[in-house]
C-alpha cells in the first residue's frame, strides 16, 4: 500500500435533486446533519470517523430555480427553509432504526400510494406514445428539460456536477457519490462523460467512484434510461465504467422512482464486468413536508437506517480495498 493510498481523504459528494432548492450552504448543512444523525443514531461508535469525512455539494439549485421561475413557478425560500428544518427535526426524533418500518409509516399524515400507482400505469403508456417528457414535465419541469436533449440548461447542470467530481478525483480522494432524484440522472451522465467523453476519458477513465448511492432514482424507468448518455452505444461504452459499487435506495410510494430496482435493468453492467455490484433496497421514507407524508423527500432518505449502514460500511472498508 502506497503512502498516497494511506493518506487519501474520504469524501462524500452530494448531488441534489430537482425542484426549487434553498441556498447552497443551507442545503449542504441540512444534508450533512441528516447523514450524521443517521450514523449517530445507529452506529454511535462511528461518529468520530464520520466527522473526518469531507462532505461537499455539487450545487445547481440556482440554475433550476431560475428556470422554474421563468416558467411561472413561485418559490417562498424562507418558508421552504423553515419547513425543511421542521421535517429534519421530526426525523431526528425517531429514536431507533426499527421505527422506520411499515407500521410507523402507515401512521403518517397524508400517506398515499396514488401518485406512485398513477406513475406505474402512465409511464409505460406515455413511453409507447413517445410522450415520456410530457409525463415528466407534469411533475418535474426541470427534469423534463434536462432529459430533452443537449440544451444549455443540461450543459450547465452537468458542468456543476462534473467540476466538483473532477476536483475530488484529481485530489486522489476516496469518493462516495450520493445523488437524489433528478441528481441521480445527472450524476450518471457525468460518470459516463468521465468514462467515455473525448474531453475527459484520458484523464479520468481509470478513476473510480467507490460507492455510487442513488436515492429515489428515476434511472430504473426504461424511458428515462433511453435518454441518458451512452444509451445508444454498444458494449461497455453504454455504461459508466468508473463505479465499483452501486447502492440504490427507493422508498415505498415515491412516484419519482416508481420502478424500484436498477440491478435487473442494468445487469449488463455486471455481465460486461464494468461494475462489482449493484444492490437495490426498498425502504419507508418517514419525512413530513408541509404537514403530510413526502416519500421523495431527500432528508428522509439521508437519515434513513439503510443509508447510515451504507455510509458506515464504506467507512469500515480498508484503505487498500481497491
Protein backbone atom coordinates (compact mmCIF):
# COMPACT_ATOMS: atom_id res chain seq x y z
CA UNK A 1 0.00 0.00 0.00
CA UNK A 2 1.48 3.32 -1.04
CA UNK A 3 1.76 6.37 1.15
CA UNK A 4 -0.68 8.15 -1.17
CA UNK A 5 -3.31 5.49 -0.51
CA UNK A 6 -2.76 5.68 3.25
CA UNK A 7 -3.39 9.39 3.36
CA UNK A 8 -6.24 9.53 0.86
CA UNK A 9 -9.13 11.69 2.07
CA UNK A 10 -12.55 10.08 2.21
CA UNK A 11 -15.09 12.44 0.68
CA UNK A 12 -18.84 12.36 0.14
CA UNK A 13 -20.13 14.37 -2.81
CA UNK A 14 -23.87 15.04 -2.73
CA UNK A 15 -25.82 15.75 -5.91
CA UNK A 16 -29.22 17.18 -5.01
CA UNK A 17 -32.45 16.65 -6.92
CA UNK A 18 -34.73 18.93 -8.87
CA UNK A 19 -37.44 21.46 -7.99
CA UNK A 20 -36.70 24.64 -6.03
CA UNK A 21 -33.71 24.50 -3.72
CA UNK A 22 -32.56 26.74 -0.84
CA UNK A 23 -29.10 28.36 -0.95
CA UNK A 24 -26.10 26.06 -1.24
CA UNK A 25 -24.92 26.45 2.36
CA UNK A 26 -28.40 25.72 3.74
CA UNK A 27 -28.86 22.58 1.68
CA UNK A 28 -25.38 21.27 2.49
CA UNK A 29 -25.88 21.87 6.21
CA UNK A 30 -29.22 20.05 6.35
CA UNK A 31 -27.99 17.13 4.23
CA UNK A 32 -24.80 16.75 6.30
CA UNK A 33 -26.80 16.94 9.52
CA UNK A 34 -29.25 14.28 8.35
CA UNK A 35 -26.41 11.92 7.35
CA UNK A 36 -24.61 12.49 10.65
CA UNK A 37 -27.78 11.98 12.70
CA UNK A 38 -28.41 8.66 10.96
CA UNK A 39 -24.90 7.44 11.75
CA UNK A 40 -25.10 8.67 15.35
CA UNK A 41 -28.46 7.00 15.93
CA UNK A 42 -27.46 3.56 14.64
CA UNK A 43 -23.65 3.48 14.85
CA UNK A 44 -22.52 5.83 17.64
CA UNK A 45 -19.01 4.33 17.59
CA UNK A 46 -18.59 5.63 14.03
CA UNK A 47 -19.45 9.28 14.69
CA UNK A 48 -15.80 10.32 15.03
CA UNK A 49 -14.67 8.56 11.82
CA UNK A 50 -17.64 10.15 10.06
CA UNK A 51 -16.55 13.60 11.22
CA UNK A 52 -13.26 13.13 9.39
CA UNK A 53 -15.07 12.69 6.07
CA UNK A 54 -15.23 15.71 3.79
CA UNK A 55 -18.79 16.41 2.66
CA UNK A 56 -19.31 18.57 -0.39
CA UNK A 57 -22.26 19.54 -2.55
CA UNK A 58 -22.49 19.74 -6.32
CA UNK A 59 -24.99 22.59 -6.32
CA UNK A 60 -27.05 23.64 -9.33
CA UNK A 61 -30.10 24.85 -7.44
CA UNK A 62 -29.73 28.41 -8.67
CA UNK A 63 -29.91 27.17 -12.27
CA UNK A 64 -33.04 25.14 -11.56
CA UNK A 65 -34.64 27.94 -9.56
CA UNK A 66 -34.04 30.38 -12.40
CA UNK A 67 -35.68 28.08 -14.93
CA UNK A 68 -38.70 27.25 -12.76
CA UNK A 69 -39.34 30.94 -12.07
CA UNK A 70 -39.19 31.59 -15.82
CA UNK A 71 -41.99 29.04 -16.17
CA UNK A 72 -44.19 30.94 -13.74
CA UNK A 73 -43.48 28.91 -10.62
CA UNK A 74 -43.35 30.75 -7.27
CA UNK A 75 -40.84 29.95 -4.54
CA UNK A 76 -41.03 31.13 -0.92
CA UNK A 77 -37.45 30.50 0.15
CA UNK A 78 -37.86 31.29 3.83
CA UNK A 79 -40.94 29.10 4.16
CA UNK A 80 -39.15 26.25 2.40
CA UNK A 81 -36.14 26.55 4.70
CA UNK A 82 -38.40 26.57 7.75
CA UNK A 83 -40.35 23.55 6.60
CA UNK A 84 -37.14 21.66 5.83
CA UNK A 85 -35.95 22.44 9.35
CA UNK A 86 -39.22 21.12 10.78
CA UNK A 87 -39.02 17.99 8.63
CA UNK A 88 -35.49 17.27 9.81
CA UNK A 89 -36.42 17.86 13.44
CA UNK A 90 -39.27 15.36 13.12
CA UNK A 91 -36.95 12.76 11.62
CA UNK A 92 -34.35 13.31 14.33
CA UNK A 93 -36.97 12.43 16.96
CA UNK A 94 -37.36 8.90 15.61
CA UNK A 95 -35.30 7.10 18.26
CA UNK A 96 -34.46 3.71 16.73
CA UNK A 97 -33.85 2.18 13.32
CA UNK A 98 -36.74 -0.26 13.86
CA UNK A 99 -39.11 2.73 13.99
CA UNK A 100 -38.51 3.30 10.27
CA UNK A 101 -40.74 0.37 9.33
CA UNK A 102 -44.17 -0.07 7.76
CA UNK A 103 -46.16 0.14 10.98
CA UNK A 104 -44.98 3.67 11.75
CA UNK A 105 -45.05 4.72 8.09
CA UNK A 106 -48.73 3.80 7.79
CA UNK A 107 -49.50 6.30 10.56
CA UNK A 108 -48.05 9.31 8.71
CA UNK A 109 -50.47 12.09 7.85
CA UNK A 110 -51.46 12.26 4.20
CA UNK A 111 -49.74 8.99 3.21
CA UNK A 112 -50.93 7.90 -0.21
CA UNK A 113 -49.92 5.32 -2.79
CA UNK A 114 -51.95 7.02 -5.53
CA UNK A 115 -49.16 9.12 -7.17
CA UNK A 116 -46.90 6.08 -7.48
CA UNK A 117 -49.76 3.95 -8.81
CA UNK A 118 -50.53 6.56 -11.46
CA UNK A 119 -46.85 6.67 -12.44
CA UNK A 120 -46.78 2.86 -12.72
CA UNK A 121 -49.67 2.93 -15.17
CA UNK A 122 -48.90 6.13 -17.05
CA UNK A 123 -45.17 5.76 -17.63
CA UNK A 124 -45.32 2.71 -19.95
CA UNK A 125 -48.29 4.15 -21.85
CA UNK A 126 -46.70 7.55 -22.38
CA UNK A 127 -43.46 5.82 -23.33
CA UNK A 128 -45.17 3.83 -26.06
CA UNK A 129 -46.68 7.03 -27.39
CA UNK A 130 -43.34 8.85 -27.29
CA UNK A 131 -44.64 11.25 -24.65
CA UNK A 132 -42.31 10.48 -21.76
CA UNK A 133 -41.08 14.08 -21.48
CA UNK A 134 -44.71 15.24 -21.44
CA UNK A 135 -45.43 12.99 -18.47
CA UNK A 136 -42.26 14.04 -16.66
CA UNK A 137 -42.98 17.73 -17.26
CA UNK A 138 -46.31 17.34 -15.45
CA UNK A 139 -44.50 16.66 -12.18
CA UNK A 140 -40.92 17.92 -12.77
CA UNK A 141 -40.50 20.58 -15.44
CA UNK A 142 -36.78 20.97 -14.79
CA UNK A 143 -36.16 17.23 -15.11
CA UNK A 144 -38.13 17.16 -18.36
CA UNK A 145 -35.91 19.93 -19.70
CA UNK A 146 -32.81 18.04 -18.58
CA UNK A 147 -33.95 14.92 -20.44
CA UNK A 148 -34.99 16.78 -23.57
CA UNK A 149 -31.51 16.84 -25.06
CA UNK A 150 -28.40 18.91 -25.46
CA UNK A 151 -29.85 22.11 -24.01
CA UNK A 152 -27.93 24.92 -22.34
CA UNK A 153 -29.71 24.02 -19.11
CA UNK A 154 -28.47 20.42 -19.34
CA UNK A 155 -24.92 21.52 -20.11
CA UNK A 156 -24.80 23.94 -17.17
CA UNK A 157 -26.17 21.40 -14.71
CA UNK A 158 -23.72 18.71 -15.80
CA UNK A 159 -20.83 21.14 -15.63
CA UNK A 160 -21.60 21.98 -11.99
CA UNK A 161 -21.57 18.32 -11.00
CA UNK A 162 -18.65 17.38 -13.23
CA UNK A 163 -16.36 20.13 -11.99
CA UNK A 164 -16.88 19.16 -8.32
CA UNK A 165 -16.34 15.48 -9.02
CA UNK A 166 -13.21 16.13 -11.09
CA UNK A 167 -11.81 18.22 -8.25
CA UNK A 168 -12.14 15.31 -5.79
CA UNK A 169 -10.73 12.78 -8.24
CA UNK A 170 -7.75 14.98 -9.07
CA UNK A 171 -7.04 15.21 -5.35
CA UNK A 172 -7.00 11.42 -5.16
CA UNK A 173 -9.91 11.27 -2.72
CA UNK A 174 -11.80 8.06 -1.98
CA UNK A 175 -15.26 9.15 -3.11
CA UNK A 176 -18.80 8.19 -2.17
CA UNK A 177 -21.20 9.88 -4.59
CA UNK A 178 -24.70 10.33 -3.13
CA UNK A 179 -27.42 11.53 -5.50
CA UNK A 180 -31.13 12.18 -5.10
CA UNK A 181 -33.96 12.24 -7.64
CA UNK A 182 -33.04 14.22 -10.75
CA UNK A 183 -29.48 14.35 -9.44
CA UNK A 184 -29.17 10.58 -9.94
CA UNK A 185 -29.57 11.00 -13.71
CA UNK A 186 -27.18 13.96 -13.75
CA UNK A 187 -24.56 12.06 -11.74
CA UNK A 188 -24.89 9.02 -14.01
CA UNK A 189 -24.40 11.17 -17.11
CA UNK A 190 -21.35 12.85 -15.60
CA UNK A 191 -19.84 9.48 -14.69
CA UNK A 192 -20.40 8.40 -18.29
CA UNK A 193 -18.71 11.57 -19.57
CA UNK A 194 -15.66 10.95 -17.40
CA UNK A 195 -15.52 7.35 -18.62
CA UNK A 196 -16.02 7.92 -22.35
CA UNK A 197 -16.20 11.62 -23.21
CA UNK A 198 -13.39 12.71 -25.54
CA UNK A 199 -12.52 15.68 -23.33
CA UNK A 200 -12.29 13.66 -20.11
CA UNK A 201 -11.54 9.97 -20.65
CA UNK A 202 -7.78 10.29 -20.98
CA UNK A 203 -7.55 11.86 -17.53
CA UNK A 204 -10.41 10.19 -15.67
CA UNK A 205 -11.32 6.85 -17.27
CA UNK A 206 -9.13 4.99 -14.75
CA UNK A 207 -10.52 6.87 -11.72
CA UNK A 208 -13.10 5.00 -9.64
CA UNK A 209 -16.04 6.07 -7.50
CA UNK A 210 -16.01 3.66 -4.56
CA UNK A 211 -19.75 3.83 -3.89
CA UNK A 212 -22.47 5.39 -6.05
CA UNK A 213 -25.63 5.90 -3.95
CA UNK A 214 -28.90 6.70 -5.70
CA UNK A 215 -31.88 7.80 -3.60
CA UNK A 216 -35.34 7.99 -5.14
CA UNK A 217 -33.77 7.48 -8.56
CA UNK A 218 -35.69 7.62 -11.87
CA UNK A 219 -32.93 5.68 -13.66
CA UNK A 220 -34.82 2.40 -13.36
CA UNK A 221 -37.52 3.80 -15.68
CA UNK A 222 -36.83 2.43 -19.15
CA UNK A 223 -37.85 5.63 -20.95
CA UNK A 224 -35.59 7.73 -18.73
CA UNK A 225 -32.68 5.36 -19.25
CA UNK A 226 -33.03 5.68 -23.02
CA UNK A 227 -32.30 9.40 -22.66
CA UNK A 228 -29.14 9.03 -20.61
CA UNK A 229 -25.70 9.40 -22.13
CA UNK A 230 -24.37 6.25 -23.73
CA UNK A 231 -27.77 4.65 -24.19
CA UNK A 232 -27.24 4.24 -27.94
CA UNK A 233 -23.64 3.00 -27.69
CA UNK A 234 -22.57 -0.64 -27.83
CA UNK A 235 -20.88 -2.95 -25.34
CA UNK A 236 -19.08 -1.28 -22.42
CA UNK A 237 -19.43 2.17 -23.97
CA UNK A 238 -23.10 2.12 -22.97
CA UNK A 239 -22.27 2.49 -19.30
CA UNK A 240 -20.04 4.42 -16.92
CA UNK A 241 -17.01 2.27 -16.18
CA UNK A 242 -15.86 4.14 -13.08
CA UNK A 243 -18.22 2.76 -10.38
CA UNK A 244 -17.16 -0.04 -8.04
CA UNK A 245 -20.39 -0.46 -6.03
CA UNK A 246 -23.85 0.93 -6.76
CA UNK A 247 -26.34 1.15 -3.87
CA UNK A 248 -29.88 2.06 -4.97
CA UNK A 249 -32.40 3.04 -2.27
CA UNK A 250 -36.07 3.50 -3.18
CA UNK A 251 -38.91 4.46 -0.86
CA UNK A 252 -42.39 2.99 -0.91
CA UNK A 253 -44.88 5.38 -2.61
CA UNK A 254 -42.10 7.53 -4.06
CA UNK A 255 -43.55 8.19 -7.52
CA UNK A 256 -40.22 9.53 -8.80
CA UNK A 257 -38.80 6.01 -8.57
CA UNK A 258 -41.96 4.07 -9.32
CA UNK A 259 -39.75 1.27 -10.69
CA UNK A 260 -37.73 0.41 -7.57
CA UNK A 261 -34.86 -1.68 -8.96
CA UNK A 262 -31.85 -0.95 -11.15
CA UNK A 263 -29.95 -4.23 -10.75
CA UNK A 264 -32.26 -6.08 -13.13
CA UNK A 265 -32.31 -3.21 -15.64
CA UNK A 266 -28.55 -2.77 -15.69
CA UNK A 267 -27.43 -6.38 -15.28
CA UNK A 268 -25.40 -5.92 -18.47
CA UNK A 269 -23.00 -3.80 -16.41
CA UNK A 270 -22.26 -6.89 -14.33
CA UNK A 271 -22.06 -9.10 -17.38
CA UNK A 272 -19.62 -6.72 -19.05
CA UNK A 273 -17.54 -6.54 -15.82
CA UNK A 274 -17.69 -2.74 -15.60
CA UNK A 275 -19.01 -2.77 -12.02
CA UNK A 276 -18.53 -5.03 -8.99
CA UNK A 277 -22.06 -4.98 -7.55
CA UNK A 278 -25.46 -3.31 -7.86
CA UNK A 279 -27.76 -3.56 -4.84
CA UNK A 280 -31.39 -2.48 -4.51
CA UNK A 281 -33.09 -1.62 -1.21
CA UNK A 282 -36.74 -0.77 -0.60
CA UNK A 283 -37.40 1.45 2.40
CA UNK A 284 -40.03 3.66 4.01
CA UNK A 285 -39.37 7.39 3.97
CA UNK A 286 -40.86 8.98 7.11
CA UNK A 287 -40.42 12.62 6.11
CA UNK A 288 -43.28 15.08 6.51
CA UNK A 289 -43.31 18.17 4.30
CA UNK A 290 -45.91 20.84 4.92
CA UNK A 291 -47.73 18.54 7.34
CA UNK A 292 -48.07 15.44 5.18
CA UNK A 293 -46.08 12.44 4.04
CA UNK A 294 -43.48 13.10 1.33
CA UNK A 295 -41.78 9.80 0.43
CA UNK A 296 -39.45 11.53 -2.06
CA UNK A 297 -38.01 13.99 0.49
CA UNK A 298 -34.20 13.89 0.47
CA UNK A 299 -33.97 14.35 4.24
CA UNK A 300 -35.98 11.19 4.85
CA UNK A 301 -33.52 9.33 2.65
CA UNK A 302 -30.34 10.86 4.09
CA UNK A 303 -31.26 10.00 7.67
CA UNK A 304 -32.62 6.53 6.93
CA UNK A 305 -31.02 3.49 8.63
CA UNK A 306 -30.23 1.89 5.26
CA UNK A 307 -28.23 4.94 4.15
CA UNK A 308 -26.47 5.07 7.52
CA UNK A 309 -25.46 1.42 7.06
CA UNK A 310 -24.16 2.12 3.54
CA UNK A 311 -22.06 5.02 4.85
CA UNK A 312 -20.66 3.03 7.77
CA UNK A 313 -19.81 0.04 5.58
CA UNK A 314 -17.84 2.41 3.36
CA UNK A 315 -16.08 3.90 6.38
CA UNK A 316 -15.11 0.42 7.56
CA UNK A 317 -13.65 -0.62 4.20
CA UNK A 318 -9.84 -0.78 4.42
CA UNK A 319 -7.92 1.93 2.61
CA UNK A 320 -6.28 -0.64 0.37
CA UNK A 321 -9.58 -2.30 -0.58
CA UNK A 322 -9.03 -1.35 -4.20
